[in-house]
Protein backbone atom coordinates (compact mmCIF):
# COMPACT_ATOMS: atom_id res chain seq x y z
CA MET A 1 125.54 125.48 78.81
CA SER A 2 128.58 124.01 80.08
CA SER A 3 130.64 120.64 78.26
CA LYS A 4 129.01 119.29 81.67
CA ILE A 5 125.13 119.24 82.89
CA ARG A 6 125.25 120.73 86.40
CA VAL A 7 123.19 119.18 88.54
CA ALA A 8 122.09 120.75 91.76
CA ILE A 9 120.03 118.24 94.25
CA ILE A 10 117.49 119.36 96.50
CA GLY A 11 116.65 117.21 99.91
CA LEU A 12 119.85 115.60 101.04
CA GLY A 13 118.13 112.30 102.81
CA PHE A 14 117.47 109.92 100.43
CA GLY A 15 118.80 112.84 97.55
CA ALA A 16 121.86 112.30 98.96
CA GLU A 17 122.45 108.68 97.62
CA PHE A 18 122.65 110.66 93.68
CA ILE A 19 125.48 112.26 94.49
CA PRO A 20 128.54 110.01 93.41
CA ILE A 21 126.63 108.82 90.79
CA TYR A 22 126.28 112.26 89.01
CA GLN A 23 130.39 113.15 90.48
CA ASN A 24 131.19 110.34 88.61
CA HIS A 25 129.18 110.51 85.45
CA PRO A 26 131.06 111.79 82.18
CA HIS A 27 128.42 114.47 81.17
CA ALA A 28 127.32 115.42 84.73
CA ASP A 29 128.70 118.07 87.45
CA ILE A 30 127.09 118.22 91.05
CA TYR A 31 127.18 122.04 91.35
CA ALA A 32 125.33 122.54 93.79
CA ILE A 33 123.25 120.54 97.10
CA CYS A 34 120.26 122.59 98.67
CA GLN A 35 118.42 121.39 102.15
CA ARG A 36 116.79 123.66 104.72
CA THR A 37 118.49 122.46 107.43
CA THR A 38 121.73 124.26 107.81
CA ASP A 39 124.16 121.32 109.79
CA LYS A 40 122.93 118.65 107.17
CA LEU A 41 123.66 121.05 104.30
CA ASN A 42 126.80 121.45 105.26
CA GLN A 43 127.53 117.87 106.42
CA ILE A 44 127.13 116.79 103.16
CA GLY A 45 128.52 119.14 100.84
CA ASP A 46 131.69 118.47 103.39
CA HIS A 47 131.46 115.03 102.72
CA PHE A 48 130.79 114.45 98.81
CA GLY A 49 133.65 118.11 98.36
CA ILE A 50 130.54 120.54 96.94
CA PRO A 51 131.00 123.54 97.87
CA VAL A 52 128.11 125.70 96.75
CA ARG A 53 125.70 125.41 99.17
CA TYR A 54 121.77 126.61 99.76
CA SER A 55 119.39 126.55 102.45
CA SER A 56 116.73 128.05 100.30
CA PHE A 57 115.46 126.80 96.75
CA ASP A 58 114.23 129.91 95.38
CA ASP A 59 117.40 131.34 96.33
CA MET A 60 119.29 128.29 94.02
CA LEU A 61 117.27 128.62 91.56
CA LYS A 62 118.51 132.55 90.67
CA ASP A 63 122.09 130.79 90.03
CA ASP A 64 121.97 130.61 86.06
CA ASN A 65 125.11 128.41 86.18
CA ILE A 66 122.89 125.45 87.54
CA ASP A 67 120.93 123.43 84.28
CA ALA A 68 119.22 120.93 85.97
CA VAL A 69 117.70 119.94 89.38
CA HIS A 70 116.99 116.55 91.18
CA ILE A 71 114.60 117.16 93.40
CA ASN A 72 114.03 114.66 96.39
CA SER A 73 112.13 116.74 98.71
CA PRO A 74 108.87 116.06 100.89
CA ILE A 75 105.74 114.70 98.47
CA PRO A 76 103.98 117.69 99.52
CA ASN A 77 106.44 120.24 97.76
CA HIS A 78 107.06 117.76 94.85
CA ALA A 79 104.29 119.68 92.56
CA GLU A 80 105.15 123.36 93.26
CA GLN A 81 109.04 123.22 93.43
CA SER A 82 108.85 121.15 90.09
CA ILE A 83 107.09 123.72 87.94
CA THR A 84 108.96 126.90 90.06
CA ALA A 85 112.27 124.91 88.37
CA LEU A 86 110.75 123.93 85.09
CA LEU A 87 109.78 128.25 85.36
CA ALA A 88 113.14 129.02 86.03
CA GLY A 89 114.57 127.64 83.21
CA LYS A 90 115.75 124.20 85.01
CA HIS A 91 115.26 120.75 83.80
CA VAL A 92 113.57 118.82 86.23
CA ALA A 93 114.55 115.11 88.10
CA CYS A 94 112.28 114.59 91.15
CA THR A 95 111.62 111.58 92.83
CA VAL A 96 107.93 110.23 92.78
CA PRO A 97 105.34 110.78 92.73
CA MET A 98 104.82 113.51 90.58
CA ALA A 99 102.02 114.93 92.80
CA THR A 100 99.10 114.43 94.69
CA THR A 101 96.46 116.18 92.16
CA VAL A 102 95.55 116.09 88.78
CA GLU A 103 95.51 119.31 88.55
CA ASP A 104 99.02 119.58 89.88
CA CYS A 105 99.78 117.49 87.49
CA ARG A 106 98.55 119.26 84.71
CA ARG A 107 100.35 122.11 85.83
CA ILE A 108 102.92 120.32 85.94
CA VAL A 109 102.59 119.60 82.29
CA GLU A 110 101.82 123.02 81.42
CA ALA A 111 104.82 124.25 82.96
CA GLY A 112 106.94 121.80 81.17
CA GLN A 113 105.52 123.24 77.65
CA LEU A 114 105.93 126.49 78.48
CA SER A 115 109.48 126.27 79.35
CA GLY A 116 110.80 123.58 76.91
CA LYS A 117 112.46 121.82 79.14
CA ASN A 118 112.91 118.13 80.63
CA TYR A 119 110.61 116.46 82.92
CA MET A 120 111.85 113.29 84.65
CA MET A 121 110.05 111.28 87.23
CA MET A 122 112.82 109.74 88.91
CA GLU A 123 110.54 106.32 88.65
CA THR A 124 112.63 103.84 89.91
CA CYS A 125 110.42 100.29 89.01
CA VAL A 126 111.20 101.21 85.23
CA TYR A 127 115.05 101.02 85.77
CA THR A 128 115.32 97.95 87.95
CA ARG A 129 117.55 94.69 86.80
CA GLU A 130 113.83 93.18 86.65
CA PHE A 131 112.29 95.19 84.71
CA LEU A 132 115.06 95.31 81.78
CA TYR A 133 115.42 91.98 82.00
CA VAL A 134 111.43 91.46 80.98
CA LYS A 135 112.12 94.52 78.77
CA ALA A 136 114.59 92.50 76.59
CA LEU A 137 111.77 89.49 76.55
CA ARG A 138 109.78 91.75 75.24
CA ASP A 139 112.02 93.01 72.93
CA SER A 140 113.24 90.31 71.43
CA GLY A 141 109.82 88.77 70.82
CA GLN A 142 110.55 86.23 73.27
CA LEU A 143 107.53 86.82 75.55
CA GLY A 144 104.66 87.04 72.54
CA ARG A 145 101.63 88.89 72.69
CA ILE A 146 101.35 90.41 76.28
CA GLN A 147 97.81 89.11 77.53
CA PHE A 148 97.66 90.49 81.01
CA LEU A 149 99.60 92.46 83.48
CA ARG A 150 99.67 92.71 87.22
CA GLY A 151 101.50 95.09 89.96
CA ALA A 152 101.54 95.64 93.72
CA HIS A 153 103.85 97.47 96.42
CA GLN A 154 102.99 96.55 99.61
CA GLN A 155 104.72 97.71 102.96
CA GLU A 156 104.64 98.71 106.32
CA MET A 157 105.54 102.71 106.54
CA SER A 158 104.82 102.61 110.50
CA GLY A 159 107.75 105.20 111.78
CA TRP A 160 108.09 107.14 108.67
CA PRO A 161 107.35 110.80 108.61
CA GLY A 162 104.38 112.51 109.62
CA TYR A 163 102.59 113.30 106.22
CA TRP A 164 103.32 109.65 105.19
CA GLU A 165 101.03 108.78 108.15
CA GLY A 166 97.62 107.58 106.66
CA LEU A 167 98.16 108.75 103.45
CA PRO A 168 96.21 106.88 100.80
CA PRO A 169 97.50 103.81 99.18
CA MET A 170 97.25 104.81 95.76
CA HIS A 171 98.17 108.31 96.13
CA TYR A 172 101.47 106.86 95.55
CA ALA A 173 100.91 104.18 93.36
CA THR A 174 103.83 104.42 90.74
CA HIS A 175 105.94 101.60 91.63
CA ALA A 176 102.95 99.17 90.83
CA VAL A 177 101.70 101.30 88.14
CA SER A 178 104.39 101.90 85.89
CA PRO A 179 106.30 98.36 85.35
CA LEU A 180 103.19 97.49 83.65
CA LEU A 181 102.05 100.23 81.79
CA ALA A 182 106.10 101.06 80.20
CA LEU A 183 106.09 96.77 79.24
CA ALA A 184 102.73 97.27 77.36
CA GLY A 185 103.80 100.52 76.10
CA LYS A 186 100.56 102.47 76.79
CA GLU A 187 98.40 104.76 79.28
CA ALA A 188 96.11 103.90 81.43
CA GLU A 189 92.80 105.14 80.57
CA PHE A 190 90.25 104.25 83.11
CA VAL A 191 89.89 102.80 86.53
CA THR A 192 87.61 101.34 89.11
CA CYS A 193 89.25 100.17 92.68
CA MET A 194 88.06 98.90 95.56
CA GLY A 195 89.36 99.53 99.19
CA SER A 196 89.42 97.11 101.53
CA GLY A 197 90.04 96.69 105.61
CA GLN A 198 90.24 99.27 108.11
CA ILE A 199 93.64 101.68 109.44
CA ALA A 200 93.29 102.89 113.25
CA ASP A 201 91.13 106.05 113.22
CA LYS A 202 94.43 107.92 114.21
CA LEU A 203 95.67 107.52 110.57
CA ALA A 204 92.63 107.42 108.73
CA ALA A 205 91.59 110.96 109.92
CA LYS A 206 94.42 112.69 108.40
CA TYR A 207 93.72 112.33 104.68
CA GLY A 208 90.34 110.96 105.03
CA SER A 209 91.15 107.06 103.83
CA PRO A 210 89.92 104.48 106.03
CA PHE A 211 91.36 101.43 104.13
CA ALA A 212 94.44 99.24 104.52
CA VAL A 213 94.17 98.19 100.70
CA GLU A 214 93.03 99.65 97.18
CA SER A 215 93.08 97.25 94.49
CA ALA A 216 92.34 98.65 90.69
CA ILE A 217 91.54 96.76 87.32
CA PHE A 218 92.49 99.38 84.67
CA ARG A 219 91.86 99.25 80.97
CA LEU A 220 94.57 100.38 78.89
CA ARG A 221 94.09 103.70 76.24
CA ASP A 222 94.35 102.33 72.35
CA SER A 223 94.78 98.41 73.75
CA ASN A 224 92.49 95.45 74.47
CA LEU A 225 94.48 95.13 77.73
CA ALA A 226 93.81 95.13 81.49
CA MET A 227 96.22 94.84 84.06
CA GLU A 228 95.47 94.50 88.20
CA VAL A 229 96.87 96.93 90.63
CA THR A 230 97.07 95.94 94.66
CA ARG A 231 98.56 98.76 97.36
CA SER A 232 98.71 98.88 101.05
CA LEU A 233 101.13 100.99 103.51
CA PHE A 234 99.58 100.51 106.66
CA GLU A 235 98.45 98.04 109.24
CA THR A 236 98.44 94.91 106.18
CA SER A 237 101.10 91.94 106.94
CA ARG A 238 103.58 91.40 104.40
CA GLU A 239 106.71 91.40 103.46
CA TYR A 240 108.22 94.63 101.65
CA VAL A 241 107.23 94.04 97.83
CA GLU A 242 107.37 95.85 94.20
CA SER A 243 106.37 93.32 92.12
CA PHE A 244 104.85 93.17 89.17
CA ASP A 245 103.47 89.44 87.15
CA VAL A 246 103.53 89.49 82.68
CA TYR A 247 101.11 87.05 81.26
CA ALA A 248 101.78 86.84 77.49
CA ASP A 249 100.74 83.70 74.84
CA GLN A 250 104.62 81.99 74.62
CA MET A 251 105.85 83.44 78.09
CA SER A 252 105.01 84.74 81.04
CA PHE A 253 107.33 86.26 84.34
CA GLU A 254 106.04 86.34 87.96
CA TRP A 255 107.63 87.74 90.94
CA GLN A 256 108.93 85.87 93.51
CA GLN A 257 106.96 85.61 96.64
CA LEU A 258 109.86 86.03 98.72
CA GLU A 259 112.72 88.24 98.51
CA GLY A 260 115.57 85.44 98.60
CA GLU A 261 113.99 83.45 96.19
CA GLU A 262 114.41 83.94 92.33
CA PRO A 263 111.54 84.87 89.98
CA VAL A 264 109.69 82.12 87.30
CA ILE A 265 109.26 82.35 83.54
CA PHE A 266 106.59 79.86 82.44
CA THR A 267 106.32 78.24 79.12
CA GLY A 268 102.97 76.84 78.43
CA GLU A 269 102.77 75.34 81.78
CA ASN A 270 106.41 74.61 82.41
CA ALA A 271 108.03 76.75 85.37
CA LYS A 272 111.37 77.63 86.40
CA ARG A 273 113.09 80.07 87.92
CA VAL A 274 115.89 82.68 87.00
CA GLU A 275 118.86 84.24 87.91
CA ILE A 276 118.25 87.52 86.77
CA PRO A 277 121.35 89.54 85.76
CA ASP A 278 122.70 92.78 86.60
CA TYR A 279 122.46 95.70 83.82
CA ALA A 280 125.78 97.92 84.91
CA HIS A 281 127.03 97.48 81.13
CA LEU A 282 124.50 99.60 79.75
CA LEU A 283 125.97 101.92 82.17
CA PRO A 284 129.04 104.51 81.87
CA GLU A 285 132.28 102.62 83.51
CA GLY A 286 132.22 105.10 86.57
CA ILE A 287 128.82 104.45 87.70
CA ARG A 288 128.54 100.81 87.10
CA LYS A 289 129.40 99.99 90.77
CA TYR A 290 126.42 101.78 91.96
CA THR A 291 124.10 98.89 90.66
CA LEU A 292 124.76 96.94 93.28
CA GLU A 293 125.76 99.29 96.39
CA GLY A 294 124.07 102.31 98.04
CA VAL A 295 126.75 105.42 97.93
CA TYR A 296 126.61 106.28 102.11
CA ASP A 297 129.73 105.74 103.22
CA SER A 298 129.02 102.21 105.83
CA ALA A 299 126.01 99.92 106.28
CA ASP A 300 125.21 101.76 109.55
CA ASN A 301 124.26 104.99 107.11
CA VAL A 302 122.11 103.52 104.48
CA HIS A 303 119.11 105.64 103.83
CA LEU A 304 115.52 103.36 105.08
CA SER A 305 113.92 103.79 101.23
CA PHE A 306 117.32 102.11 99.63
CA LYS A 307 117.50 99.55 102.46
CA GLN A 308 113.85 98.42 102.99
CA GLY A 309 113.42 98.53 99.19
CA ASN A 310 116.71 96.11 99.03
CA GLY A 311 118.81 98.82 96.58
CA HIS A 312 115.73 99.45 94.74
CA GLY A 313 116.98 97.03 92.38
CA GLY A 314 120.36 99.02 91.32
CA SER A 315 117.80 101.73 89.18
CA HIS A 316 119.26 105.10 91.27
CA PRO A 317 122.42 105.19 88.23
CA HIS A 318 120.33 104.36 85.57
CA LEU A 319 117.51 107.39 86.37
CA ALA A 320 120.83 109.40 86.42
CA HIS A 321 121.77 108.42 83.79
CA GLU A 322 118.81 108.33 81.35
CA PHE A 323 118.21 112.00 82.78
CA ILE A 324 121.72 113.38 82.10
CA MET A 325 121.67 111.07 78.85
CA SER A 326 117.97 113.05 77.37
CA ILE A 327 119.97 116.48 78.24
CA VAL A 328 122.56 115.56 76.19
CA GLU A 329 121.05 114.42 73.26
CA LYS A 330 118.23 116.90 73.72
CA ARG A 331 115.84 114.21 73.60
CA GLU A 332 112.60 113.30 75.75
CA SER A 333 113.42 111.91 78.74
CA PHE A 334 112.16 108.30 79.52
CA PRO A 335 109.46 108.80 81.43
CA ASN A 336 108.51 111.98 79.99
CA VAL A 337 106.48 114.64 81.15
CA TYR A 338 103.29 113.28 79.87
CA THR A 339 104.13 109.64 80.80
CA SER A 340 104.95 110.72 84.54
CA ALA A 341 101.80 112.39 84.47
CA ASN A 342 99.51 109.07 83.37
CA TRP A 343 101.66 107.13 85.94
CA THR A 344 100.99 109.43 88.85
CA CYS A 345 97.34 110.26 88.05
CA ALA A 346 97.02 106.34 88.05
CA GLY A 347 96.99 106.08 91.50
CA ILE A 348 94.86 109.95 92.16
CA CYS A 349 92.14 108.14 90.02
CA ALA A 350 92.05 104.86 91.30
CA HIS A 351 91.48 105.97 94.80
CA GLU A 352 89.19 108.61 93.62
CA SER A 353 87.33 105.18 92.51
CA ALA A 354 87.67 103.26 95.65
CA MET A 355 86.45 106.26 97.88
CA ASN A 356 82.93 106.01 95.76
CA ASN A 357 82.89 102.69 96.30
CA GLY A 358 84.43 101.01 92.87
CA GLU A 359 83.02 103.75 90.72
CA GLN A 360 84.35 104.25 86.81
CA VAL A 361 86.56 106.80 86.78
CA LYS A 362 88.24 108.19 83.57
CA LEU A 363 92.10 109.41 83.45
CA PRO A 364 92.50 112.93 81.93
CA VAL A 365 94.59 112.97 78.65
CA PHE A 366 97.45 115.18 78.84
CA ARG A 367 99.24 114.92 75.11
């Protein structure tokens, strides 16, 4: 391995957001980019000054100069590309979700075990400034004993790429599930979930999932805690939200109802709105600015997921930093492959429960 971690990025839509972050990280280097469409490949390569370019993922993995691969391809490709990259001896960062089936999650875990390489699901919601704020309250003891957690991810995905159309809400639940489990320090053990409402027949036909909304209750493993998660993707009116609420005996945190508001801290029955600080100081100086701005070159060239998600709470440089430093320090990333599988399977098993009228489903144990 060279003195810097040589990273290759596949998928240059949302993936291009990370290129300057890696370029400005003291322990990383963007060595290569990969995109099937050569015009897009060359446009991004020329813009960011990256000479090594591949239009074939398999060809890219044969390059021994690559230490790590950051996968930003469409969801249906995540599992196979992650497995192939791990078995090719590359560390893997992959955008959410890890996979769309329990079996594929298991295969990724096994590939990680066989390869000895790091796998990190790049879950934005456990590196947002809101999450880091509440985590600090927990770690300092100010929250006290956590009693219950609630999460939601609601958005309108009409007009997104075709494979999104009709996607079961809980198949992509990691944004709502992950901050709850991370703050509790536990994994989901079993779930019961109800589907509600009805999306258009043309949407429902694609995945055989009729529900507009899915809402689940989880029991956490080795814990007396439960949590509630609600998810919607189509034909349900709501401003975009990726929220979490935490109720504890000394202090509680509730997400704001509207994007322009501030969240609320409760101490007993007393409530106050709080301004959430930025946490750029936790990062190397060269990438601190990316907690507050996208990396595209103009306001007219911002990826939809960044714009609609309000910048993902400043999480992108924190994610890249954690991935790189886990490799440099020869430790597991957070989340590691086991945690990533649990967070992903929470949603997959919740949808299974909803399709069976709320039947309880136990999550697999991967460790």
